[in-house]
């Protein structure tokens, strides 16, 4: 059994890592958001809350995050239910493939979609040649294209989070309910769904936060042509016209507050659901 001092020594590299790459940038962001020309001010937050373009970015990001999270969650719920009917070795192979797919995001993911569904993409050219009008009104560089990419990189994460929840439903419960005369529908309505509901709500909050913070895929696909919070922060730091790091910090703080509120709402919903069980 190691002592507390030895445990602290072993943990010190991790503590230093957290301080340098999480707490220090977070504190710097907070301090910078209240500064203008080196003086303390609330001007940056006033600008964020009164600028219609920035507020539109928040609205677009929240809408895109909520819709993509809901779609990915619904699709994955049915996918995991189907996966549970496979054998154990097959489930492991699917999970390995899903884990690999979850790391395929950012610029490579956007480039792959451009190659397949862009204006000169493989499927776009093939459908035009075969005179199939499926993609005639679809533009990858629009809100629909962004939604497609977001749903794609949300689904592997959702599957990895939901699989243990489904796996926690014991086979004995299904057998016992069947012996008592309950149908499959009654089992899921009375037992299955109440059990997995807290996990589903928690998964939704993770997917929402994951989408709100996404930057590389959206920027690689639309550059600065579509107004999202993450893209606005990046453009203000890089200085597409001129750099405004203080304003970018204020937007980032409000983005973090939005994510925290979503997490707190999720925790409240989970606690409320569990009290009803």
C-alpha atoms as a PDB file:
ATOM      1  CA  UNK A   1       0.000   0.000   0.000  1.00  0.00           C
ATOM      2  CA  UNK A   2       1.574   3.295  -1.090  1.00  0.00           C
ATOM      3  CA  UNK A   3       1.414   6.394   1.078  1.00  0.00           C
ATOM      4  CA  UNK A   4      -0.379   9.608   0.180  1.00  0.00           C
ATOM      5  CA  UNK A   5       2.955  11.286  -0.514  1.00  0.00           C
ATOM      6  CA  UNK A   6       3.983   8.552  -2.950  1.00  0.00           C
ATOM      7  CA  UNK A   7       0.582   8.702  -4.625  1.00  0.00           C
ATOM      8  CA  UNK A   8       0.942  12.461  -5.025  1.00  0.00           C
ATOM      9  CA  UNK A   9       4.413  11.993  -6.576  1.00  0.00           C
ATOM     10  CA  UNK A  10       3.051   9.470  -9.057  1.00  0.00           C
ATOM     11  CA  UNK A  11       0.161  11.775  -9.915  1.00  0.00           C
ATOM     12  CA  UNK A  12       2.313  14.896 -10.239  1.00  0.00           C
ATOM     13  CA  UNK A  13       2.895  14.542 -14.038  1.00  0.00           C
ATOM     14  CA  UNK A  14      -0.860  14.289 -14.563  1.00  0.00           C
ATOM     15  CA  UNK A  15      -1.483  17.275 -12.268  1.00  0.00           C
ATOM     16  CA  UNK A  16       1.073  19.356 -14.171  1.00  0.00           C
ATOM     17  CA  UNK A  17      -0.536  18.323 -17.448  1.00  0.00           C
ATOM     18  CA  UNK A  18      -3.984  19.393 -16.215  1.00  0.00           C
ATOM     19  CA  UNK A  19      -2.636  22.701 -14.953  1.00  0.00           C
ATOM     20  CA  UNK A  20      -0.755  23.564 -18.148  1.00  0.00           C
ATOM     21  CA  UNK A  21      -3.324  22.437 -20.713  1.00  0.00           C
ATOM     22  CA  UNK A  22      -6.644  22.981 -18.913  1.00  0.00           C
ATOM     23  CA  UNK A  23      -6.638  25.279 -15.886  1.00  0.00           C
ATOM     24  CA  UNK A  24      -4.094  27.832 -17.122  1.00  0.00           C
ATOM     25  CA  UNK A  25      -5.790  28.320 -20.534  1.00  0.00           C
ATOM     26  CA  UNK A  26      -9.182  28.437 -18.807  1.00  0.00           C
ATOM     27  CA  UNK A  27      -8.043  31.129 -16.364  1.00  0.00           C
ATOM     28  CA  UNK A  28      -6.369  33.061 -19.173  1.00  0.00           C
ATOM     29  CA  UNK A  29      -9.578  32.914 -21.205  1.00  0.00           C
ATOM     30  CA  UNK A  30     -11.644  34.168 -18.252  1.00  0.00           C
ATOM     31  CA  UNK A  31      -9.254  37.018 -17.483  1.00  0.00           C
ATOM     32  CA  UNK A  32      -8.926  38.046 -21.122  1.00  0.00           C
ATOM     33  CA  UNK A  33     -12.694  38.111 -21.606  1.00  0.00           C
ATOM     34  CA  UNK A  34     -12.924  40.938 -19.046  1.00  0.00           C
ATOM     35  CA  UNK A  35     -10.182  43.045 -20.629  1.00  0.00           C
ATOM     36  CA  UNK A  36      -9.988  45.740 -23.284  1.00  0.00           C
ATOM     37  CA  UNK A  37      -6.668  47.496 -23.905  1.00  0.00           C
ATOM     38  CA  UNK A  38      -5.404  46.087 -20.614  1.00  0.00           C
ATOM     39  CA  UNK A  39      -8.277  47.516 -18.511  1.00  0.00           C
ATOM     40  CA  UNK A  40     -11.104  45.652 -16.778  1.00  0.00           C
ATOM     41  CA  UNK A  41     -14.406  45.959 -18.645  1.00  0.00           C
ATOM     42  CA  UNK A  42     -17.664  44.157 -19.496  1.00  0.00           C
ATOM     43  CA  UNK A  43     -17.558  45.525 -23.012  1.00  0.00           C
ATOM     44  CA  UNK A  44     -16.780  42.141 -24.605  1.00  0.00           C
ATOM     45  CA  UNK A  45     -19.846  40.488 -23.063  1.00  0.00           C
ATOM     46  CA  UNK A  46     -21.998  43.475 -23.975  1.00  0.00           C
ATOM     47  CA  UNK A  47     -20.803  43.122 -27.565  1.00  0.00           C
ATOM     48  CA  UNK A  48     -21.606  39.403 -27.615  1.00  0.00           C
ATOM     49  CA  UNK A  49     -25.102  39.856 -26.180  1.00  0.00           C
ATOM     50  CA  UNK A  50     -25.994  42.743 -28.504  1.00  0.00           C
ATOM     51  CA  UNK A  51     -24.341  41.587 -31.735  1.00  0.00           C
ATOM     52  CA  UNK A  52     -26.989  39.889 -33.882  1.00  0.00           C
ATOM     53  CA  UNK A  53     -24.381  38.057 -35.957  1.00  0.00           C
ATOM     54  CA  UNK A  54     -22.771  36.427 -32.899  1.00  0.00           C
ATOM     55  CA  UNK A  55     -26.177  35.578 -31.431  1.00  0.00           C
ATOM     56  CA  UNK A  56     -27.120  33.990 -34.743  1.00  0.00           C
ATOM     57  CA  UNK A  57     -23.958  31.873 -34.439  1.00  0.00           C
ATOM     58  CA  UNK A  58     -25.119  30.628 -31.038  1.00  0.00           C
ATOM     59  CA  UNK A  59     -28.573  29.886 -32.438  1.00  0.00           C
ATOM     60  CA  UNK A  60     -27.137  27.983 -35.408  1.00  0.00           C
ATOM     61  CA  UNK A  61     -24.735  25.999 -33.218  1.00  0.00           C
ATOM     62  CA  UNK A  62     -27.391  25.065 -30.653  1.00  0.00           C
ATOM     63  CA  UNK A  63     -29.890  24.069 -33.368  1.00  0.00           C
ATOM     64  CA  UNK A  64     -27.314  21.998 -35.245  1.00  0.00           C
ATOM     65  CA  UNK A  65     -26.102  20.335 -32.029  1.00  0.00           C
ATOM     66  CA  UNK A  66     -29.592  19.478 -30.764  1.00  0.00           C
ATOM     67  CA  UNK A  67     -30.866  18.132 -34.102  1.00  0.00           C
ATOM     68  CA  UNK A  68     -27.706  16.099 -34.829  1.00  0.00           C
ATOM     69  CA  UNK A  69     -27.696  14.686 -31.292  1.00  0.00           C
ATOM     70  CA  UNK A  70     -31.363  13.649 -31.518  1.00  0.00           C
ATOM     71  CA  UNK A  71     -30.954  12.014 -34.936  1.00  0.00           C
ATOM     72  CA  UNK A  72     -27.753  10.208 -33.928  1.00  0.00           C
ATOM     73  CA  UNK A  73     -29.381   9.076 -30.676  1.00  0.00           C
ATOM     74  CA  UNK A  74     -32.488   7.666 -32.377  1.00  0.00           C
ATOM     75  CA  UNK A  75     -30.497   5.833 -35.068  1.00  0.00           C
ATOM     76  CA  UNK A  76     -28.035   4.460 -32.533  1.00  0.00           C
ATOM     77  CA  UNK A  77     -30.755   3.238 -30.163  1.00  0.00           C
ATOM     78  CA  UNK A  78     -32.088   0.947 -32.876  1.00  0.00           C
ATOM     79  CA  UNK A  79     -28.557   0.020 -33.987  1.00  0.00           C
ATOM     80  CA  UNK A  80     -27.485  -1.052 -30.493  1.00  0.00           C
ATOM     81  CA  UNK A  81     -30.724  -3.010 -30.047  1.00  0.00           C
ATOM     82  CA  UNK A  82     -29.901  -4.894 -33.258  1.00  0.00           C
ATOM     83  CA  UNK A  83     -26.264  -5.427 -32.224  1.00  0.00           C
ATOM     84  CA  UNK A  84     -27.369  -7.051 -28.962  1.00  0.00           C
ATOM     85  CA  UNK A  85     -28.872  -9.903 -31.029  1.00  0.00           C
ATOM     86  CA  UNK A  86     -25.457 -10.872 -32.434  1.00  0.00           C
ATOM     87  CA  UNK A  87     -23.010 -13.270 -30.843  1.00  0.00           C
ATOM     88  CA  UNK A  88     -20.375 -11.993 -28.436  1.00  0.00           C
ATOM     89  CA  UNK A  89     -17.449 -12.270 -30.925  1.00  0.00           C
ATOM     90  CA  UNK A  90     -19.444 -10.351 -33.548  1.00  0.00           C
ATOM     91  CA  UNK A  91     -20.288  -7.639 -31.009  1.00  0.00           C
ATOM     92  CA  UNK A  92     -16.599  -7.222 -30.202  1.00  0.00           C
ATOM     93  CA  UNK A  93     -15.747  -6.812 -33.891  1.00  0.00           C
ATOM     94  CA  UNK A  94     -18.481  -4.205 -34.313  1.00  0.00           C
ATOM     95  CA  UNK A  95     -17.260  -2.297 -31.254  1.00  0.00           C
ATOM     96  CA  UNK A  96     -13.673  -2.341 -32.546  1.00  0.00           C
ATOM     97  CA  UNK A  97     -14.849  -0.995 -35.904  1.00  0.00           C
ATOM     98  CA  UNK A  98     -16.960   1.628 -34.149  1.00  0.00           C
ATOM     99  CA  UNK A  99     -14.016   2.686 -32.010  1.00  0.00           C
ATOM    100  CA  UNK A 100     -11.895   3.137 -35.133  1.00  0.00           C
ATOM    101  CA  UNK A 101     -14.679   5.087 -36.844  1.00  0.00           C
ATOM    102  CA  UNK A 102     -15.084   7.415 -33.854  1.00  0.00           C
ATOM    103  CA  UNK A 103     -11.535   8.680 -34.443  1.00  0.00           C
ATOM    104  CA  UNK A 104     -12.322   9.584 -38.061  1.00  0.00           C
ATOM    105  CA  UNK A 105     -13.366  13.209 -37.748  1.00  0.00           C
ATOM    106  CA  UNK A 106     -12.157  16.725 -38.369  1.00  0.00           C
ATOM    107  CA  UNK A 107     -10.554  17.694 -41.671  1.00  0.00           C
ATOM    108  CA  UNK A 108     -10.159  14.101 -42.998  1.00  0.00           C
ATOM    109  CA  UNK A 109     -13.887  13.506 -42.477  1.00  0.00           C
ATOM    110  CA  UNK A 110     -14.830  16.724 -44.282  1.00  0.00           C
ATOM    111  CA  UNK A 111     -12.469  15.872 -47.148  1.00  0.00           C
ATOM    112  CA  UNK A 112     -13.994  12.381 -47.443  1.00  0.00           C
ATOM    113  CA  UNK A 113     -17.501  13.844 -47.723  1.00  0.00           C
ATOM    114  CA  UNK A 114     -16.318  16.394 -50.294  1.00  0.00           C
ATOM    115  CA  UNK A 115     -14.830  13.569 -52.388  1.00  0.00           C
ATOM    116  CA  UNK A 116     -18.099  11.625 -52.207  1.00  0.00           C
ATOM    117  CA  UNK A 117     -20.849  14.250 -52.106  1.00  0.00           C
ATOM    118  CA  UNK A 118     -19.235  17.540 -53.134  1.00  0.00           C
ATOM    119  CA  UNK A 119     -20.102  19.441 -56.300  1.00  0.00           C
ATOM    120  CA  UNK A 120     -17.720  17.168 -58.230  1.00  0.00           C
ATOM    121  CA  UNK A 121     -17.972  14.253 -55.818  1.00  0.00           C
ATOM    122  CA  UNK A 122     -18.156  10.612 -56.811  1.00  0.00           C
ATOM    123  CA  UNK A 123     -21.839  10.088 -56.037  1.00  0.00           C
ATOM    124  CA  UNK A 124     -22.814  13.516 -57.384  1.00  0.00           C
ATOM    125  CA  UNK A 125     -21.226  12.743 -60.772  1.00  0.00           C
ATOM    126  CA  UNK A 126     -22.599   9.193 -60.873  1.00  0.00           C
ATOM    127  CA  UNK A 127     -26.155  10.304 -60.061  1.00  0.00           C
ATOM    128  CA  UNK A 128     -25.953  13.026 -62.704  1.00  0.00           C
ATOM    129  CA  UNK A 129     -24.710  10.506 -65.276  1.00  0.00           C
ATOM    130  CA  UNK A 130     -27.468   8.033 -64.407  1.00  0.00           C
ATOM    131  CA  UNK A 131     -30.014  10.892 -64.294  1.00  0.00           C
ATOM    132  CA  UNK A 132     -30.973  10.160 -60.708  1.00  0.00           C
ATOM    133  CA  UNK A 133     -32.233  13.335 -59.066  1.00  0.00           C
ATOM    134  CA  UNK A 134     -31.618  12.311 -55.457  1.00  0.00           C
ATOM    135  CA  UNK A 135     -28.823  14.869 -54.984  1.00  0.00           C
ATOM    136  CA  UNK A 136     -30.203  17.543 -57.307  1.00  0.00           C
ATOM    137  CA  UNK A 137     -31.370  19.779 -54.450  1.00  0.00           C
ATOM    138  CA  UNK A 138     -28.705  18.719 -51.927  1.00  0.00           C
ATOM    139  CA  UNK A 139     -25.654  20.863 -51.211  1.00  0.00           C
ATOM    140  CA  UNK A 140     -22.908  19.521 -48.990  1.00  0.00           C
ATOM    141  CA  UNK A 141     -21.841  23.080 -48.183  1.00  0.00           C
ATOM    142  CA  UNK A 142     -25.198  23.994 -46.607  1.00  0.00           C
ATOM    143  CA  UNK A 143     -26.907  23.375 -43.263  1.00  0.00           C
ATOM    144  CA  UNK A 144     -28.066  19.964 -44.527  1.00  0.00           C
ATOM    145  CA  UNK A 145     -24.482  19.005 -45.398  1.00  0.00           C
ATOM    146  CA  UNK A 146     -23.208  20.088 -42.001  1.00  0.00           C
ATOM    147  CA  UNK A 147     -26.010  18.132 -40.322  1.00  0.00           C
ATOM    148  CA  UNK A 148     -25.050  15.013 -42.289  1.00  0.00           C
ATOM    149  CA  UNK A 149     -21.413  15.264 -41.199  1.00  0.00           C
ATOM    150  CA  UNK A 150     -22.333  15.992 -37.588  1.00  0.00           C
ATOM    151  CA  UNK A 151     -24.685  12.998 -37.438  1.00  0.00           C
ATOM    152  CA  UNK A 152     -21.967  10.820 -38.953  1.00  0.00           C
ATOM    153  CA  UNK A 153     -19.320  11.614 -36.326  1.00  0.00           C
ATOM    154  CA  UNK A 154     -21.908  11.610 -33.514  1.00  0.00           C
ATOM    155  CA  UNK A 155     -23.146   8.056 -34.134  1.00  0.00           C
ATOM    156  CA  UNK A 156     -19.957   6.119 -33.205  1.00  0.00           C
ATOM    157  CA  UNK A 157     -19.686   8.061 -29.948  1.00  0.00           C
ATOM    158  CA  UNK A 158     -23.371   7.439 -29.196  1.00  0.00           C
ATOM    159  CA  UNK A 159     -22.965   3.726 -29.895  1.00  0.00           C
ATOM    160  CA  UNK A 160     -19.948   3.450 -27.587  1.00  0.00           C
ATOM    161  CA  UNK A 161     -21.908   5.183 -24.814  1.00  0.00           C
ATOM    162  CA  UNK A 162     -25.195   3.331 -25.280  1.00  0.00           C
ATOM    163  CA  UNK A 163     -23.826  -0.187 -25.682  1.00  0.00           C
ATOM    164  CA  UNK A 164     -22.932  -0.625 -21.956  1.00  0.00           C
ATOM    165  CA  UNK A 165     -26.393   0.709 -21.046  1.00  0.00           C
ATOM    166  CA  UNK A 166     -28.135  -1.917 -23.183  1.00  0.00           C
ATOM    167  CA  UNK A 167     -25.680  -4.547 -21.986  1.00  0.00           C
ATOM    168  CA  UNK A 168     -26.750  -3.811 -18.412  1.00  0.00           C
ATOM    169  CA  UNK A 169     -30.254  -5.164 -19.093  1.00  0.00           C
ATOM    170  CA  UNK A 170     -30.106  -8.719 -17.801  1.00  0.00           C
ATOM    171  CA  UNK A 171     -31.455 -11.573 -19.905  1.00  0.00           C
ATOM    172  CA  UNK A 172     -33.083 -12.971 -16.751  1.00  0.00           C
ATOM    173  CA  UNK A 173     -35.341  -9.913 -16.594  1.00  0.00           C
ATOM    174  CA  UNK A 174     -36.648 -10.601 -20.099  1.00  0.00           C
ATOM    175  CA  UNK A 175     -37.190 -14.271 -19.269  1.00  0.00           C
ATOM    176  CA  UNK A 176     -38.968 -13.445 -16.009  1.00  0.00           C
ATOM    177  CA  UNK A 177     -41.285 -10.930 -17.704  1.00  0.00           C
ATOM    178  CA  UNK A 178     -42.043 -13.458 -20.466  1.00  0.00           C
ATOM    179  CA  UNK A 179     -42.917 -16.108 -17.868  1.00  0.00           C
ATOM    180  CA  UNK A 180     -45.300 -13.640 -16.253  1.00  0.00           C
ATOM    181  CA  UNK A 181     -47.044 -13.158 -19.597  1.00  0.00           C
ATOM    182  CA  UNK A 182     -45.549  -9.808 -20.620  1.00  0.00           C
ATOM    183  CA  UNK A 183     -44.916  -9.136 -24.299  1.00  0.00           C
ATOM    184  CA  UNK A 184     -41.676  -7.673 -25.644  1.00  0.00           C
ATOM    185  CA  UNK A 185     -43.392  -4.303 -25.991  1.00  0.00           C
ATOM    186  CA  UNK A 186     -44.592  -4.401 -22.368  1.00  0.00           C
ATOM    187  CA  UNK A 187     -41.110  -5.367 -21.155  1.00  0.00           C
ATOM    188  CA  UNK A 188     -39.515  -2.360 -22.842  1.00  0.00           C
ATOM    189  CA  UNK A 189     -42.234   0.058 -21.781  1.00  0.00           C
ATOM    190  CA  UNK A 190     -42.341  -1.050 -18.130  1.00  0.00           C
ATOM    191  CA  UNK A 191     -38.762  -2.215 -17.491  1.00  0.00           C
ATOM    192  CA  UNK A 192     -36.316  -1.639 -20.347  1.00  0.00           C
ATOM    193  CA  UNK A 193     -36.930   2.015 -21.213  1.00  0.00           C
ATOM    194  CA  UNK A 194     -37.110   3.249 -17.564  1.00  0.00           C
ATOM    195  CA  UNK A 195     -33.762   1.536 -16.919  1.00  0.00           C
ATOM    196  CA  UNK A 196     -31.926   2.949 -19.934  1.00  0.00           C
ATOM    197  CA  UNK A 197     -33.603   6.401 -19.906  1.00  0.00           C
ATOM    198  CA  UNK A 198     -31.102   8.077 -17.518  1.00  0.00           C
ATOM    199  CA  UNK A 199     -28.233   6.795 -19.651  1.00  0.00           C
ATOM    200  CA  UNK A 200     -29.924   8.014 -22.829  1.00  0.00           C
ATOM    201  CA  UNK A 201     -30.373  11.499 -21.356  1.00  0.00           C
ATOM    202  CA  UNK A 202     -26.735  11.547 -20.283  1.00  0.00           C
ATOM    203  CA  UNK A 203     -25.644  10.414 -23.741  1.00  0.00           C
ATOM    204  CA  UNK A 204     -27.662  13.220 -25.331  1.00  0.00           C
ATOM    205  CA  UNK A 205     -25.875  15.825 -23.190  1.00  0.00           C
ATOM    206  CA  UNK A 206     -22.472  14.410 -24.208  1.00  0.00           C
ATOM    207  CA  UNK A 207     -23.457  14.458 -27.895  1.00  0.00           C
ATOM    208  CA  UNK A 208     -24.715  18.033 -27.564  1.00  0.00           C
ATOM    209  CA  UNK A 209     -21.457  19.197 -26.000  1.00  0.00           C
ATOM    210  CA  UNK A 210     -19.458  17.261 -28.596  1.00  0.00           C
ATOM    211  CA  UNK A 211     -21.286  19.014 -31.437  1.00  0.00           C
ATOM    212  CA  UNK A 212     -21.135  22.468 -29.858  1.00  0.00           C
ATOM    213  CA  UNK A 213     -17.352  22.262 -29.600  1.00  0.00           C
ATOM    214  CA  UNK A 214     -16.760  20.817 -33.082  1.00  0.00           C
ATOM    215  CA  UNK A 215     -14.650  23.085 -35.268  1.00  0.00           C
ATOM    216  CA  UNK A 216     -12.384  21.347 -37.793  1.00  0.00           C
ATOM    217  CA  UNK A 217     -15.053  19.546 -39.842  1.00  0.00           C
ATOM    218  CA  UNK A 218     -17.326  22.582 -40.076  1.00  0.00           C
ATOM    219  CA  UNK A 219     -14.473  24.933 -40.952  1.00  0.00           C
ATOM    220  CA  UNK A 220     -12.973  22.578 -43.542  1.00  0.00           C
ATOM    221  CA  UNK A 221     -16.379  22.207 -45.192  1.00  0.00           C
ATOM    222  CA  UNK A 222     -17.730  25.763 -45.117  1.00  0.00           C
ATOM    223  CA  UNK A 223     -14.728  27.884 -44.064  1.00  0.00           C
ATOM    224  CA  UNK A 224     -16.346  31.037 -42.618  1.00  0.00           C
ATOM    225  CA  UNK A 225     -19.387  30.886 -44.889  1.00  0.00           C
ATOM    226  CA  UNK A 226     -21.661  29.344 -42.248  1.00  0.00           C
ATOM    227  CA  UNK A 227     -22.078  31.134 -38.947  1.00  0.00           C
ATOM    228  CA  UNK A 228     -21.216  28.837 -36.030  1.00  0.00           C
ATOM    229  CA  UNK A 229     -19.870  29.783 -32.610  1.00  0.00           C
ATOM    230  CA  UNK A 230     -16.703  27.696 -32.928  1.00  0.00           C
ATOM    231  CA  UNK A 231     -15.942  29.207 -36.348  1.00  0.00           C
ATOM    232  CA  UNK A 232     -16.529  32.728 -35.000  1.00  0.00           C
ATOM    233  CA  UNK A 233     -14.051  32.118 -32.177  1.00  0.00           C
ATOM    234  CA  UNK A 234     -11.460  30.807 -34.609  1.00  0.00           C
ATOM    235  CA  UNK A 235     -11.894  33.733 -37.012  1.00  0.00           C
ATOM    236  CA  UNK A 236     -11.552  36.287 -34.199  1.00  0.00           C
ATOM    237  CA  UNK A 237      -8.353  34.658 -32.928  1.00  0.00           C
ATOM    238  CA  UNK A 238      -6.798  34.255 -36.374  1.00  0.00           C
ATOM    239  CA  UNK A 239      -7.878  37.715 -37.404  1.00  0.00           C
ATOM    240  CA  UNK A 240      -9.647  37.254 -40.745  1.00  0.00           C
ATOM    241  CA  UNK A 241      -9.942  41.060 -40.751  1.00  0.00           C
ATOM    242  CA  UNK A 242      -8.213  41.942 -37.482  1.00  0.00           C
ATOM    243  CA  UNK A 243      -7.656  39.837 -34.362  1.00  0.00           C
ATOM    244  CA  UNK A 244      -9.957  40.290 -31.362  1.00  0.00           C
ATOM    245  CA  UNK A 245      -8.798  37.696 -28.794  1.00  0.00           C
ATOM    246  CA  UNK A 246     -10.692  39.399 -25.958  1.00  0.00           C
ATOM    247  CA  UNK A 247     -14.002  39.110 -27.811  1.00  0.00           C
ATOM    248  CA  UNK A 248     -13.151  35.512 -28.770  1.00  0.00           C
ATOM    249  CA  UNK A 249     -12.528  34.733 -25.087  1.00  0.00           C
ATOM    250  CA  UNK A 250     -15.911  36.181 -24.103  1.00  0.00           C
ATOM    251  CA  UNK A 251     -17.670  34.077 -26.748  1.00  0.00           C
ATOM    252  CA  UNK A 252     -15.734  31.002 -25.576  1.00  0.00           C
ATOM    253  CA  UNK A 253     -16.762  31.637 -21.955  1.00  0.00           C
ATOM    254  CA  UNK A 254     -20.447  31.884 -22.951  1.00  0.00           C
ATOM    255  CA  UNK A 255     -20.043  28.743 -25.049  1.00  0.00           C
ATOM    256  CA  UNK A 256     -18.637  26.943 -22.003  1.00  0.00           C
ATOM    257  CA  UNK A 257     -21.540  28.257 -19.896  1.00  0.00           C
ATOM    258  CA  UNK A 258     -24.000  26.889 -22.484  1.00  0.00           C
ATOM    259  CA  UNK A 259     -22.371  23.454 -22.286  1.00  0.00           C
ATOM    260  CA  UNK A 260     -22.347  23.507 -18.473  1.00  0.00           C
ATOM    261  CA  UNK A 261     -26.037  24.452 -18.390  1.00  0.00           C
ATOM    262  CA  UNK A 262     -26.804  21.571 -20.751  1.00  0.00           C
ATOM    263  CA  UNK A 263     -24.871  19.190 -18.496  1.00  0.00           C
ATOM    264  CA  UNK A 264     -26.648  20.470 -15.370  1.00  0.00           C
ATOM    265  CA  UNK A 265     -30.027  20.098 -17.079  1.00  0.00           C
ATOM    266  CA  UNK A 266     -29.053  16.566 -18.033  1.00  0.00           C
ATOM    267  CA  UNK A 267     -28.034  15.731 -14.460  1.00  0.00           C
ATOM    268  CA  UNK A 268     -31.316  17.161 -13.177  1.00  0.00           C
ATOM    269  CA  UNK A 269     -33.297  15.082 -15.688  1.00  0.00           C
ATOM    270  CA  UNK A 270     -31.350  11.937 -14.774  1.00  0.00           C
ATOM    271  CA  UNK A 271     -31.892  12.475 -11.041  1.00  0.00           C
ATOM    272  CA  UNK A 272     -35.595  13.148 -11.586  1.00  0.00           C
ATOM    273  CA  UNK A 273     -35.957  10.008 -13.718  1.00  0.00           C
ATOM    274  CA  UNK A 274     -34.187   7.837 -11.174  1.00  0.00           C
ATOM    275  CA  UNK A 275     -36.424   9.113  -8.372  1.00  0.00           C
ATOM    276  CA  UNK A 276     -39.443   7.903 -10.356  1.00  0.00           C
ATOM    277  CA  UNK A 277     -38.023   4.385 -10.717  1.00  0.00           C
END
